[in-house]
C-alpha atoms as a PDB file:
ATOM      1  CA  MET A   1       3.894  93.894  37.047  1.00  0.00           C
ATOM      2  CA  THR A   2       4.578  97.336  36.388  1.00  0.00           C
ATOM      3  CA  TRP A   3       8.199  98.564  35.798  1.00  0.00           C
ATOM      4  CA  GLY A   4       9.143 101.810  36.971  1.00  0.00           C
ATOM      5  CA  SER A   5      12.172 103.711  35.693  1.00  0.00           C
ATOM      6  CA  ALA A   6      15.495 101.790  33.910  1.00  0.00           C
ATOM      7  CA  ASP A   7      17.174 102.382  37.392  1.00  0.00           C
ATOM      8  CA  SER A   8      14.182 100.921  39.517  1.00  0.00           C
ATOM      9  CA  LYS A   9      14.533  97.878  37.386  1.00  0.00           C
ATOM     10  CA  PHE A  10      18.168  97.185  37.835  1.00  0.00           C
ATOM     11  CA  ALA A  11      17.480  98.041  41.545  1.00  0.00           C
ATOM     12  CA  LEU A  12      15.253  95.152  41.531  1.00  0.00           C
ATOM     13  CA  ILE A  13      17.432  92.764  39.592  1.00  0.00           C
ATOM     14  CA  PHE A  14      20.484  93.718  41.913  1.00  0.00           C
ATOM     15  CA  SER A  15      18.033  93.255  45.125  1.00  0.00           C
ATOM     16  CA  ARG A  16      16.932  89.935  44.153  1.00  0.00           C
ATOM     17  CA  MET A  17      20.220  88.891  43.391  1.00  0.00           C
ATOM     18  CA  GLY A  18      21.996  90.134  46.203  1.00  0.00           C
ATOM     19  CA  ARG A  19      19.133  87.686  48.429  1.00  0.00           C
ATOM     20  CA  LEU A  20      20.042  85.005  46.596  1.00  0.00           C
ATOM     21  CA  ASN A  21      23.932  85.132  46.912  1.00  0.00           C
ATOM     22  CA  HIS A  22      23.696  86.231  50.528  1.00  0.00           C
ATOM     23  CA  HIS A  23      22.523  82.624  51.017  1.00  0.00           C
ATOM     24  CA  HIS A  24      24.504  81.319  48.379  1.00  0.00           C
ATOM     25  CA  ILE A  25      27.410  79.534  50.085  1.00  0.00           C
ATOM     26  CA  PRO A  26      30.105  79.110  47.216  1.00  0.00           C
ATOM     27  CA  LEU A  27      30.134  82.830  46.778  1.00  0.00           C
ATOM     28  CA  PHE A  28      30.539  83.543  50.292  1.00  0.00           C
ATOM     29  CA  SER A  29      33.372  80.985  50.135  1.00  0.00           C
ATOM     30  CA  THR A  30      34.777  82.718  47.273  1.00  0.00           C
ATOM     31  CA  ARG A  31      35.009  86.338  48.760  1.00  0.00           C
ATOM     32  CA  VAL A  32      36.466  84.800  51.907  1.00  0.00           C
ATOM     33  CA  THR A  33      38.679  83.302  50.137  1.00  0.00           C
ATOM     34  CA  ALA A  34      39.920  85.924  47.947  1.00  0.00           C
ATOM     35  CA  THR A  35      40.358  88.210  51.208  1.00  0.00           C
ATOM     36  CA  VAL A  36      41.953  86.020  52.894  1.00  0.00           C
ATOM     37  CA  SER A  37      44.724  85.550  49.837  1.00  0.00           C
ATOM     38  CA  VAL A  38      45.350  89.263  49.636  1.00  0.00           C
ATOM     39  CA  ALA A  39      45.639  89.911  53.381  1.00  0.00           C
ATOM     40  CA  LEU A  40      48.306  86.760  53.363  1.00  0.00           C
ATOM     41  CA  VAL A  41      49.703  88.135  50.095  1.00  0.00           C
ATOM     42  CA  LEU A  42      50.147  91.886  51.997  1.00  0.00           C
ATOM     43  CA  VAL A  43      51.351  90.880  55.251  1.00  0.00           C
ATOM     44  CA  VAL A  44      54.320  89.272  53.038  1.00  0.00           C
ATOM     45  CA  LEU A  45      54.775  92.644  51.465  1.00  0.00           C
ATOM     46  CA  GLY A  46      54.370  94.662  55.144  1.00  0.00           C
ATOM     47  CA  VAL A  47      57.111  91.814  56.052  1.00  0.00           C
ATOM     48  CA  ALA A  48      59.399  93.021  53.305  1.00  0.00           C
ATOM     49  CA  THR A  49      58.757  96.361  53.736  1.00  0.00           C
ATOM     50  CA  PHE A  50      60.177  96.124  57.554  1.00  0.00           C
ATOM     51  CA  ILE A  51      62.834  94.343  56.325  1.00  0.00           C
ATOM     52  CA  GLY A  52      64.118  96.978  53.927  1.00  0.00           C
ATOM     53  CA  ILE A  53      63.674  99.505  57.258  1.00  0.00           C
ATOM     54  CA  ALA A  54      65.509  97.773  58.942  1.00  0.00           C
ATOM     55  CA  ALA A  55      68.393  97.125  56.470  1.00  0.00           C
ATOM     56  CA  ASN A  56      68.333 100.986  55.643  1.00  0.00           C
ATOM     57  CA  ARG A  57      68.640 101.483  59.518  1.00  0.00           C
ATOM     58  CA  VAL A  58      71.396  99.364  60.246  1.00  0.00           C
ATOM     59  CA  THR A  59      73.276 100.240  56.837  1.00  0.00           C
ATOM     60  CA  ASP A  60      72.549 103.517  57.749  1.00  0.00           C
ATOM     61  CA  SER A  61      74.029 103.176  61.382  1.00  0.00           C
ATOM     62  CA  VAL A  62      77.257 101.917  60.476  1.00  0.00           C
ATOM     63  CA  ARG A  63      77.716 104.974  58.037  1.00  0.00           C
ATOM     64  CA  GLU A  64      77.568 107.169  61.111  1.00  0.00           C
ATOM     65  CA  ASN A  65      80.116 105.571  62.790  1.00  0.00           C
ATOM     66  CA  MET A  66      82.679 106.102  60.067  1.00  0.00           C
ATOM     67  CA  GLY A  67      84.936 109.069  60.272  1.00  0.00           C
ATOM     68  CA  PHE A  68      88.255 110.681  61.137  1.00  0.00           C
ATOM     69  CA  VAL A  69      90.618 110.970  63.865  1.00  0.00           C
ATOM     70  CA  VAL A  70      92.352 114.585  64.352  1.00  0.00           C
ATOM     71  CA  VAL A  71      95.144 114.169  66.774  1.00  0.00           C
ATOM     72  CA  PHE A  72      96.165 117.363  68.397  1.00  0.00           C
ATOM     73  CA  ASP A  73      99.683 118.971  68.726  1.00  0.00           C
ATOM     74  CA  PRO A  74     101.508 118.669  72.255  1.00  0.00           C
ATOM     75  CA  GLU A  75     101.213 122.087  72.747  1.00  0.00           C
ATOM     76  CA  ALA A  76      97.586 122.576  71.901  1.00  0.00           C
ATOM     77  CA  THR A  77      95.951 124.560  74.545  1.00  0.00           C
ATOM     78  CA  ALA A  78      92.443 123.738  75.378  1.00  0.00           C
ATOM     79  CA  SER A  79      90.928 126.913  73.891  1.00  0.00           C
ATOM     80  CA  ASP A  80      92.202 125.284  70.116  1.00  0.00           C
ATOM     81  CA  ILE A  81      91.022 121.888  70.868  1.00  0.00           C
ATOM     82  CA  SER A  82      88.017 124.017  71.703  1.00  0.00           C
ATOM     83  CA  SER A  83      88.228 125.840  68.797  1.00  0.00           C
ATOM     84  CA  VAL A  84      88.661 123.037  66.360  1.00  0.00           C
ATOM     85  CA  THR A  85      85.447 120.716  67.917  1.00  0.00           C
ATOM     86  CA  ASP A  86      83.394 124.452  67.652  1.00  0.00           C
ATOM     87  CA  ARG A  87      84.591 123.995  63.817  1.00  0.00           C
ATOM     88  CA  LEU A  88      83.655 120.920  62.927  1.00  0.00           C
ATOM     89  CA  THR A  89      80.201 120.510  64.865  1.00  0.00           C
ATOM     90  CA  SER A  90      79.201 123.665  62.808  1.00  0.00           C
ATOM     91  CA  SER A  91      80.017 122.037  59.748  1.00  0.00           C
ATOM     92  CA  PRO A  92      77.531 120.355  57.788  1.00  0.00           C
ATOM     93  CA  GLY A  93      77.767 116.535  57.353  1.00  0.00           C
ATOM     94  CA  ILE A  94      79.230 116.375  61.231  1.00  0.00           C
ATOM     95  CA  ARG A  95      77.173 114.178  63.076  1.00  0.00           C
ATOM     96  CA  GLU A  96      79.247 113.644  66.422  1.00  0.00           C
ATOM     97  CA  CYS A  97      82.719 115.181  67.910  1.00  0.00           C
ATOM     98  CA  ILE A  98      84.189 112.701  70.907  1.00  0.00           C
ATOM     99  CA  TYR A  99      87.172 114.186  72.587  1.00  0.00           C
ATOM    100  CA  SER A 100      89.882 111.810  74.170  1.00  0.00           C
ATOM    101  CA  SER A 101      92.605 112.836  76.334  1.00  0.00           C
ATOM    102  CA  PRO A 102      95.926 111.519  76.437  1.00  0.00           C
ATOM    103  CA  GLU A 103      94.951 109.717  79.935  1.00  0.00           C
ATOM    104  CA  VAL A 104      91.673 108.230  78.258  1.00  0.00           C
ATOM    105  CA  ILE A 105      93.328 106.970  75.062  1.00  0.00           C
ATOM    106  CA  LEU A 106      96.211 105.499  77.631  1.00  0.00           C
ATOM    107  CA  GLN A 107      93.539 103.556  79.539  1.00  0.00           C
ATOM    108  CA  ARG A 108      92.087 102.336  76.321  1.00  0.00           C
ATOM    109  CA  TRP A 109      95.561 100.916  75.164  1.00  0.00           C
ATOM    110  CA  GLN A 110      95.924  99.438  78.420  1.00  0.00           C
ATOM    111  CA  LYS A 111      92.768  97.574  78.351  1.00  0.00           C
ATOM    112  CA  ILE A 112      93.915  96.585  74.947  1.00  0.00           C
ATOM    113  CA  VAL A 113      96.981  94.974  75.563  1.00  0.00           C
ATOM    114  CA  GLY A 114      96.424  94.195  78.931  1.00  0.00           C
ATOM    115  CA  ASP A 115      98.701  94.333  82.026  1.00  0.00           C
ATOM    116  CA  ASP A 116     101.646  92.607  80.472  1.00  0.00           C
ATOM    117  CA  GLU A 117     102.981  96.118  78.796  1.00  0.00           C
ATOM    118  CA  ASP A 118     103.127  98.945  81.198  1.00  0.00           C
ATOM    119  CA  ILE A 119     104.162 101.294  78.401  1.00  0.00           C
ATOM    120  CA  MET A 120     104.046 104.083  81.294  1.00  0.00           C
ATOM    121  CA  ARG A 121     106.957 101.730  82.880  1.00  0.00           C
ATOM    122  CA  LEU A 122     108.222 101.485  79.733  1.00  0.00           C
ATOM    123  CA  ALA A 123     108.569 104.856  78.228  1.00  0.00           C
ATOM    124  CA  GLN A 124     108.016 106.851  81.628  1.00  0.00           C
ATOM    125  CA  VAL A 125     105.664 109.289  79.988  1.00  0.00           C
ATOM    126  CA  ASN A 126     102.862 108.913  78.303  1.00  0.00           C
ATOM    127  CA  PRO A 127     103.331 108.925  74.805  1.00  0.00           C
ATOM    128  CA  PHE A 128      99.470 109.545  73.443  1.00  0.00           C
ATOM    129  CA  LEU A 129      98.375 112.860  72.538  1.00  0.00           C
ATOM    130  CA  PRO A 130      94.863 114.650  72.878  1.00  0.00           C
ATOM    131  CA  GLU A 131      92.292 113.189  69.556  1.00  0.00           C
ATOM    132  CA  LEU A 132      89.263 114.057  68.633  1.00  0.00           C
ATOM    133  CA  GLU A 133      87.361 110.756  67.096  1.00  0.00           C
ATOM    134  CA  VAL A 134      84.830 112.773  64.520  1.00  0.00           C
ATOM    135  CA  HIS A 135      81.616 110.872  63.186  1.00  0.00           C
ATOM    136  CA  VAL A 136      79.793 111.584  59.753  1.00  0.00           C
ATOM    137  CA  THR A 137      76.760 111.495  58.869  1.00  0.00           C
ATOM    138  CA  ALA A 138      75.448 108.625  56.161  1.00  0.00           C
ATOM    139  CA  ALA A 139      75.482 110.667  53.290  1.00  0.00           C
ATOM    140  CA  TYR A 140      79.183 112.049  53.743  1.00  0.00           C
ATOM    141  CA  ALA A 141      80.299 108.213  54.772  1.00  0.00           C
ATOM    142  CA  HIS A 142      82.910 108.299  51.552  1.00  0.00           C
ATOM    143  CA  PRO A 143      86.158 108.585  51.005  1.00  0.00           C
ATOM    144  CA  ASP A 144      86.149 111.958  48.902  1.00  0.00           C
ATOM    145  CA  SER A 145      83.538 113.535  51.372  1.00  0.00           C
ATOM    146  CA  ILE A 146      85.720 112.935  54.662  1.00  0.00           C
ATOM    147  CA  ALA A 147      88.586 114.198  52.522  1.00  0.00           C
ATOM    148  CA  PHE A 148      87.063 117.292  51.984  1.00  0.00           C
ATOM    149  CA  LEU A 149      85.799 117.657  55.308  1.00  0.00           C
ATOM    150  CA  ALA A 150      89.155 116.543  57.078  1.00  0.00           C
ATOM    151  CA  ALA A 151      91.897 118.604  54.832  1.00  0.00           C
ATOM    152  CA  PRO A 152      91.245 122.274  56.150  1.00  0.00           C
ATOM    153  CA  ILE A 153      91.268 120.655  59.645  1.00  0.00           C
ATOM    154  CA  GLY A 154      94.648 119.045  59.133  1.00  0.00           C
ATOM    155  CA  LEU A 155      95.876 122.899  58.358  1.00  0.00           C
ATOM    156  CA  LEU A 156      95.710 124.069  61.131  1.00  0.00           C
ATOM    157  CA  PRO A 157      98.347 124.925  63.856  1.00  0.00           C
ATOM    158  CA  SER A 158      96.691 122.923  66.751  1.00  0.00           C
ATOM    159  CA  VAL A 159      96.296 120.173  64.676  1.00  0.00           C
ATOM    160  CA  SER A 160      99.374 117.076  64.398  1.00  0.00           C
ATOM    161  CA  ASP A 161      97.795 114.465  62.240  1.00  0.00           C
ATOM    162  CA  ILE A 162      94.299 113.166  60.807  1.00  0.00           C
ATOM    163  CA  THR A 163      94.093 109.768  60.244  1.00  0.00           C
ATOM    164  CA  TYR A 164      91.243 107.517  58.675  1.00  0.00           C
ATOM    165  CA  ASN A 165      91.264 104.474  56.381  1.00  0.00           C
ATOM    166  CA  SER A 166      90.001 105.222  52.973  1.00  0.00           C
ATOM    167  CA  GLU A 167      90.029 101.643  51.969  1.00  0.00           C
ATOM    168  CA  LEU A 168      88.438 100.167  55.015  1.00  0.00           C
ATOM    169  CA  ILE A 169      85.800 102.606  54.248  1.00  0.00           C
ATOM    170  CA  GLU A 170      85.471 101.573  50.522  1.00  0.00           C
ATOM    171  CA  GLY A 171      85.296  98.151  51.564  1.00  0.00           C
ATOM    172  CA  VAL A 172      82.159  98.896  53.999  1.00  0.00           C
ATOM    173  CA  ASN A 173      80.564 101.061  51.276  1.00  0.00           C
ATOM    174  CA  SER A 174      81.069  98.225  48.913  1.00  0.00           C
ATOM    175  CA  THR A 175      79.774  95.630  51.252  1.00  0.00           C
ATOM    176  CA  LEU A 176      76.767  97.628  52.109  1.00  0.00           C
ATOM    177  CA  SER A 177      75.838  98.728  48.369  1.00  0.00           C
ATOM    178  CA  SER A 178      75.881  95.096  47.266  1.00  0.00           C
ATOM    179  CA  VAL A 179      73.297  94.307  50.801  1.00  0.00           C
ATOM    180  CA  THR A 180      71.394  97.326  49.563  1.00  0.00           C
ATOM    181  CA  LEU A 181      71.203  96.669  45.699  1.00  0.00           C
ATOM    182  CA  THR A 182      69.984  92.968  46.764  1.00  0.00           C
ATOM    183  CA  LEU A 183      67.235  93.659  49.151  1.00  0.00           C
ATOM    184  CA  LEU A 184      66.213  96.141  46.955  1.00  0.00           C
ATOM    185  CA  ILE A 185      66.126  93.159  44.062  1.00  0.00           C
ATOM    186  CA  VAL A 186      64.153  90.872  46.245  1.00  0.00           C
ATOM    187  CA  GLY A 187      61.593  93.785  47.427  1.00  0.00           C
ATOM    188  CA  CYS A 188      60.669  94.461  43.646  1.00  0.00           C
ATOM    189  CA  GLY A 189      60.466  90.922  43.120  1.00  0.00           C
ATOM    190  CA  LEU A 190      58.304  90.862  46.376  1.00  0.00           C
ATOM    191  CA  LEU A 191      56.315  93.786  45.183  1.00  0.00           C
ATOM    192  CA  ILE A 192      55.237  92.535  41.473  1.00  0.00           C
ATOM    193  CA  VAL A 193      54.440  88.734  42.465  1.00  0.00           C
ATOM    194  CA  SER A 194      52.254  90.581  45.359  1.00  0.00           C
ATOM    195  CA  PHE A 195      50.693  92.557  42.436  1.00  0.00           C
ATOM    196  CA  VAL A 196      50.124  89.699  40.217  1.00  0.00           C
ATOM    197  CA  LEU A 197      48.712  86.959  42.867  1.00  0.00           C
ATOM    198  CA  ILE A 198      46.285  90.021  44.298  1.00  0.00           C
ATOM    199  CA  PHE A 199      45.389  90.711  40.536  1.00  0.00           C
ATOM    200  CA  ASN A 200      44.517  87.128  39.983  1.00  0.00           C
ATOM    201  CA  THR A 201      42.486  86.420  43.253  1.00  0.00           C
ATOM    202  CA  VAL A 202      40.387  89.339  42.387  1.00  0.00           C
ATOM    203  CA  ARG A 203      39.998  88.685  38.520  1.00  0.00           C
ATOM    204  CA  LEU A 204      39.230  84.836  39.586  1.00  0.00           C
ATOM    205  CA  ALA A 205      36.132  86.253  41.977  1.00  0.00           C
ATOM    206  CA  VAL A 206      35.112  88.107  39.303  1.00  0.00           C
ATOM    207  CA  TYR A 207      35.318  85.558  36.667  1.00  0.00           C
ATOM    208  CA  SER A 208      33.293  83.015  38.970  1.00  0.00           C
ATOM    209  CA  ARG A 209      30.449  85.895  38.352  1.00  0.00           C
ATOM    210  CA  ARG A 210      30.927  86.291  34.404  1.00  0.00           C
ATOM    211  CA  PHE A 211      27.574  85.202  33.652  1.00  0.00           C
ATOM    212  CA  LEU A 212      26.082  87.847  35.866  1.00  0.00           C
ATOM    213  CA  ILE A 213      27.545  90.393  34.061  1.00  0.00           C
ATOM    214  CA  HIS A 214      26.576  89.056  30.779  1.00  0.00           C
ATOM    215  CA  THR A 215      23.010  88.901  32.284  1.00  0.00           C
ATOM    216  CA  MET A 216      22.515  92.411  33.566  1.00  0.00           C
ATOM    217  CA  LYS A 217      23.949  93.960  29.884  1.00  0.00           C
ATOM    218  CA  LEU A 218      21.086  91.431  28.698  1.00  0.00           C
ATOM    219  CA  VAL A 219      18.509  93.631  30.384  1.00  0.00           C
ATOM    220  CA  GLY A 220      19.968  96.808  29.311  1.00  0.00           C
ATOM    221  CA  ALA A 221      22.316  97.848  32.292  1.00  0.00           C
ATOM    222  CA  THR A 222      24.937 100.247  31.386  1.00  0.00           C
ATOM    223  CA  ALA A 223      28.833  99.465  32.088  1.00  0.00           C
ATOM    224  CA  GLY A 224      29.291 102.476  35.072  1.00  0.00           C
ATOM    225  CA  PHE A 225      25.646 100.820  36.794  1.00  0.00           C
ATOM    226  CA  ILE A 226      27.412  96.583  36.418  1.00  0.00           C
ATOM    227  CA  ARG A 227      31.059  98.001  37.311  1.00  0.00           C
ATOM    228  CA  ARG A 228      29.777  99.334  40.239  1.00  0.00           C
ATOM    229  CA  PRO A 229      29.532  96.513  42.718  1.00  0.00           C
ATOM    230  CA  PHE A 230      32.410  94.793  41.924  1.00  0.00           C
ATOM    231  CA  LEU A 231      34.612  97.970  42.534  1.00  0.00           C
ATOM    232  CA  ALA A 232      32.770  98.142  45.902  1.00  0.00           C
ATOM    233  CA  GLU A 233      33.315  94.784  46.828  1.00  0.00           C
ATOM    234  CA  ASN A 234      36.532  94.544  46.179  1.00  0.00           C
ATOM    235  CA  VAL A 235      37.037  98.088  47.772  1.00  0.00           C
ATOM    236  CA  VAL A 236      35.696  96.437  50.962  1.00  0.00           C
ATOM    237  CA  ASN A 237      37.494  93.344  50.560  1.00  0.00           C
ATOM    238  CA  GLY A 238      40.623  94.991  50.648  1.00  0.00           C
ATOM    239  CA  LEU A 239      39.787  96.984  53.212  1.00  0.00           C
ATOM    240  CA  VAL A 240      39.230  93.957  55.300  1.00  0.00           C
ATOM    241  CA  ALA A 241      42.136  92.240  53.946  1.00  0.00           C
ATOM    242  CA  GLY A 242      44.250  95.506  54.827  1.00  0.00           C
ATOM    243  CA  LEU A 243      42.903  95.456  57.901  1.00  0.00           C
ATOM    244  CA  ILE A 244      43.612  91.655  58.834  1.00  0.00           C
ATOM    245  CA  ALA A 245      47.057  91.697  57.300  1.00  0.00           C
ATOM    246  CA  SER A 246      47.771  94.983  59.864  1.00  0.00           C
ATOM    247  CA  GLY A 247      46.657  93.236  62.373  1.00  0.00           C
ATOM    248  CA  VAL A 248      49.112  90.182  61.933  1.00  0.00           C
ATOM    249  CA  ILE A 249      51.950  93.188  61.240  1.00  0.00           C
ATOM    250  CA  ALA A 250      51.244  94.355  64.669  1.00  0.00           C
ATOM    251  CA  LEU A 251      51.531  91.232  66.470  1.00  0.00           C
ATOM    252  CA  LEU A 252      54.391  90.322  64.682  1.00  0.00           C
ATOM    253  CA  VAL A 253      56.393  93.732  65.570  1.00  0.00           C
ATOM    254  CA  SER A 254      55.348  93.551  69.176  1.00  0.00           C
ATOM    255  CA  TYR A 255      56.882  90.025  69.133  1.00  0.00           C
ATOM    256  CA  CYS A 256      59.825  90.622  67.563  1.00  0.00           C
ATOM    257  CA  ARG A 257      60.405  94.326  69.787  1.00  0.00           C
ATOM    258  CA  SER A 258      60.268  91.523  73.049  1.00  0.00           C
ATOM    259  CA  LEU A 259      62.831  89.582  72.098  1.00  0.00           C
ATOM    260  CA  ASP A 260      65.948  91.828  71.699  1.00  0.00           C
ATOM    261  CA  THR A 261      66.559  95.101  72.967  1.00  0.00           C
ATOM    262  CA  ALA A 262      68.304  96.265  69.795  1.00  0.00           C
ATOM    263  CA  LEU A 263      65.482  95.927  67.585  1.00  0.00           C
ATOM    264  CA  LEU A 264      63.517  98.525  69.231  1.00  0.00           C
ATOM    265  CA  THR A 265      65.757 100.713  67.636  1.00  0.00           C
ATOM    266  CA  VAL A 266      65.742  99.350  64.417  1.00  0.00           C
ATOM    267  CA  ILE A 267      61.676  98.731  64.597  1.00  0.00           C
ATOM    268  CA  SER A 268      59.652 101.497  65.777  1.00  0.00           C
ATOM    269  CA  TRP A 269      56.306 101.620  66.130  1.00  0.00           C
ATOM    270  CA  THR A 270      55.897 104.885  63.859  1.00  0.00           C
ATOM    271  CA  ASP A 271      57.352 102.539  61.367  1.00  0.00           C
ATOM    272  CA  ALA A 272      54.642 100.044  62.138  1.00  0.00           C
ATOM    273  CA  GLY A 273      52.291 102.457  62.147  1.00  0.00           C
ATOM    274  CA  LEU A 274      53.324 103.543  58.247  1.00  0.00           C
ATOM    275  CA  VAL A 275      53.633 100.139  57.391  1.00  0.00           C
ATOM    276  CA  MET A 276      50.046  99.345  58.345  1.00  0.00           C
ATOM    277  CA  ALA A 277      48.631 102.174  57.090  1.00  0.00           C
ATOM    278  CA  GLY A 278      50.372 101.486  53.485  1.00  0.00           C
ATOM    279  CA  THR A 279      49.288  97.962  53.946  1.00  0.00           C
ATOM    280  CA  VAL A 280      45.828  98.903  53.885  1.00  0.00           C
ATOM    281  CA  VAL A 281      46.073 101.483  51.218  1.00  0.00           C
ATOM    282  CA  THR A 282      47.699  99.361  48.906  1.00  0.00           C
ATOM    283  CA  GLY A 283      45.235  96.564  49.621  1.00  0.00           C
ATOM    284  CA  VAL A 284      42.261  98.704  48.796  1.00  0.00           C
ATOM    285  CA  ALA A 285      43.884 100.196  45.567  1.00  0.00           C
ATOM    286  CA  ILE A 286      45.189  97.240  44.151  1.00  0.00           C
ATOM    287  CA  CYS A 287      41.561  95.358  44.777  1.00  0.00           C
ATOM    288  CA  PHE A 288      40.091  98.268  43.082  1.00  0.00           C
ATOM    289  CA  ILE A 289      42.415  98.436  40.302  1.00  0.00           C
ATOM    290  CA  ALA A 290      41.817  94.733  39.585  1.00  0.00           C
ATOM    291  CA  ALA A 291      38.201  94.628  39.873  1.00  0.00           C
ATOM    292  CA  LEU A 292      37.898  97.380  37.292  1.00  0.00           C
ATOM    293  CA  PHE A 293      40.724  95.757  34.708  1.00  0.00           C
ATOM    294  CA  ALA A 294      38.803  92.479  35.151  1.00  0.00           C
ATOM    295  CA  ALA A 295      35.416  93.829  34.655  1.00  0.00           C
ATOM    296  CA  ASN A 296      36.104  95.669  32.124  1.00  0.00           C
ATOM    297  CA  ARG A 297      37.542  92.746  30.272  1.00  0.00           C
ATOM    298  CA  TYR A 298      34.257  90.261  30.893  1.00  0.00           C
ATOM    299  CA  LEU A 299      32.131  93.568  29.807  1.00  0.00           C
ATOM    300  CA  ARG A 300      33.722  93.350  26.727  1.00  0.00           C
ATOM    301  CA  LEU A 301      33.409  89.032  25.771  1.00  0.00           C
ATOM    302  CA  SER A 302      30.454  87.821  24.278  1.00  0.00           C
ATOM    303  CA  TYR A 303      28.448  84.414  25.489  1.00  0.00           C
ATOM    304  CA  ASP A 304      30.134  82.525  23.193  1.00  0.00           C
ATOM    305  CA  GLU A 305      33.827  83.623  24.715  1.00  0.00           C
ATOM    306  CA  LEU A 306      32.650  83.398  28.204  1.00  0.00           C
ATOM    307  CA  PHE A 307      32.853  79.553  28.424  1.00  0.00           C
ATOM    308  CA  LYS A 308      36.772  79.879  27.364  1.00  0.00           C
END
């Protein structure tokens, strides 16, 4: 038999081994098991990402409902109220301003206390003053930031008082920070566990073919030539696993959005698309890196060390 160039010889060896492996059920089973295992880990990682996104959205929503209330002077005119509202709206850190007339506040009060206490009958006059409820952005939802925004408004002659509960704001921020830190620790733990599981899965897949690597070394194949098929195979495995995980995540998102309308604002399809794309990229990247490390490891081992 006449051998051509070295590359032709290696190609012939790979071709024959590929035909044998194509019908080798244990090898095929190993690849399927590895791909499914990686897909399951990526699903868990994707779900954890969604939990983090939902928690962040809920946290921002709670913080954006914080702020202060501007109580206007009884002599304040509509022009004064409009001027204060425009000034606050144009200020950085202000999300929205909601004006309430004395009549609206009175109706709100009556709904709270009920018809048993008719304040108009007792006082013969509406005791409430016009108010402007100011909501800040999540970044400004801190007592110091709110005080900084409210201080110049309180000096205006048309403003009677400014109220906000600094202790409540501090308590809510403390609780939200604790929840965020806990979720961050759990997320990092899941990320590390996911990486370790995928690394071990890919390493075991390469381990099952360690003698093939040694055989290729004996016939003079270079390290790059040996690594190439393992890297390509695991990139494909990672891509398939990422697509499977993305499909499962899409089904979970569709199911969750159909359960409660509140989830529609927390989990959007835009977020789902980004998470699914990140899942595919993560699967490919981790499988590639794991295959690279595993192949390099078995390339350095001697024949006797392959049995350990």
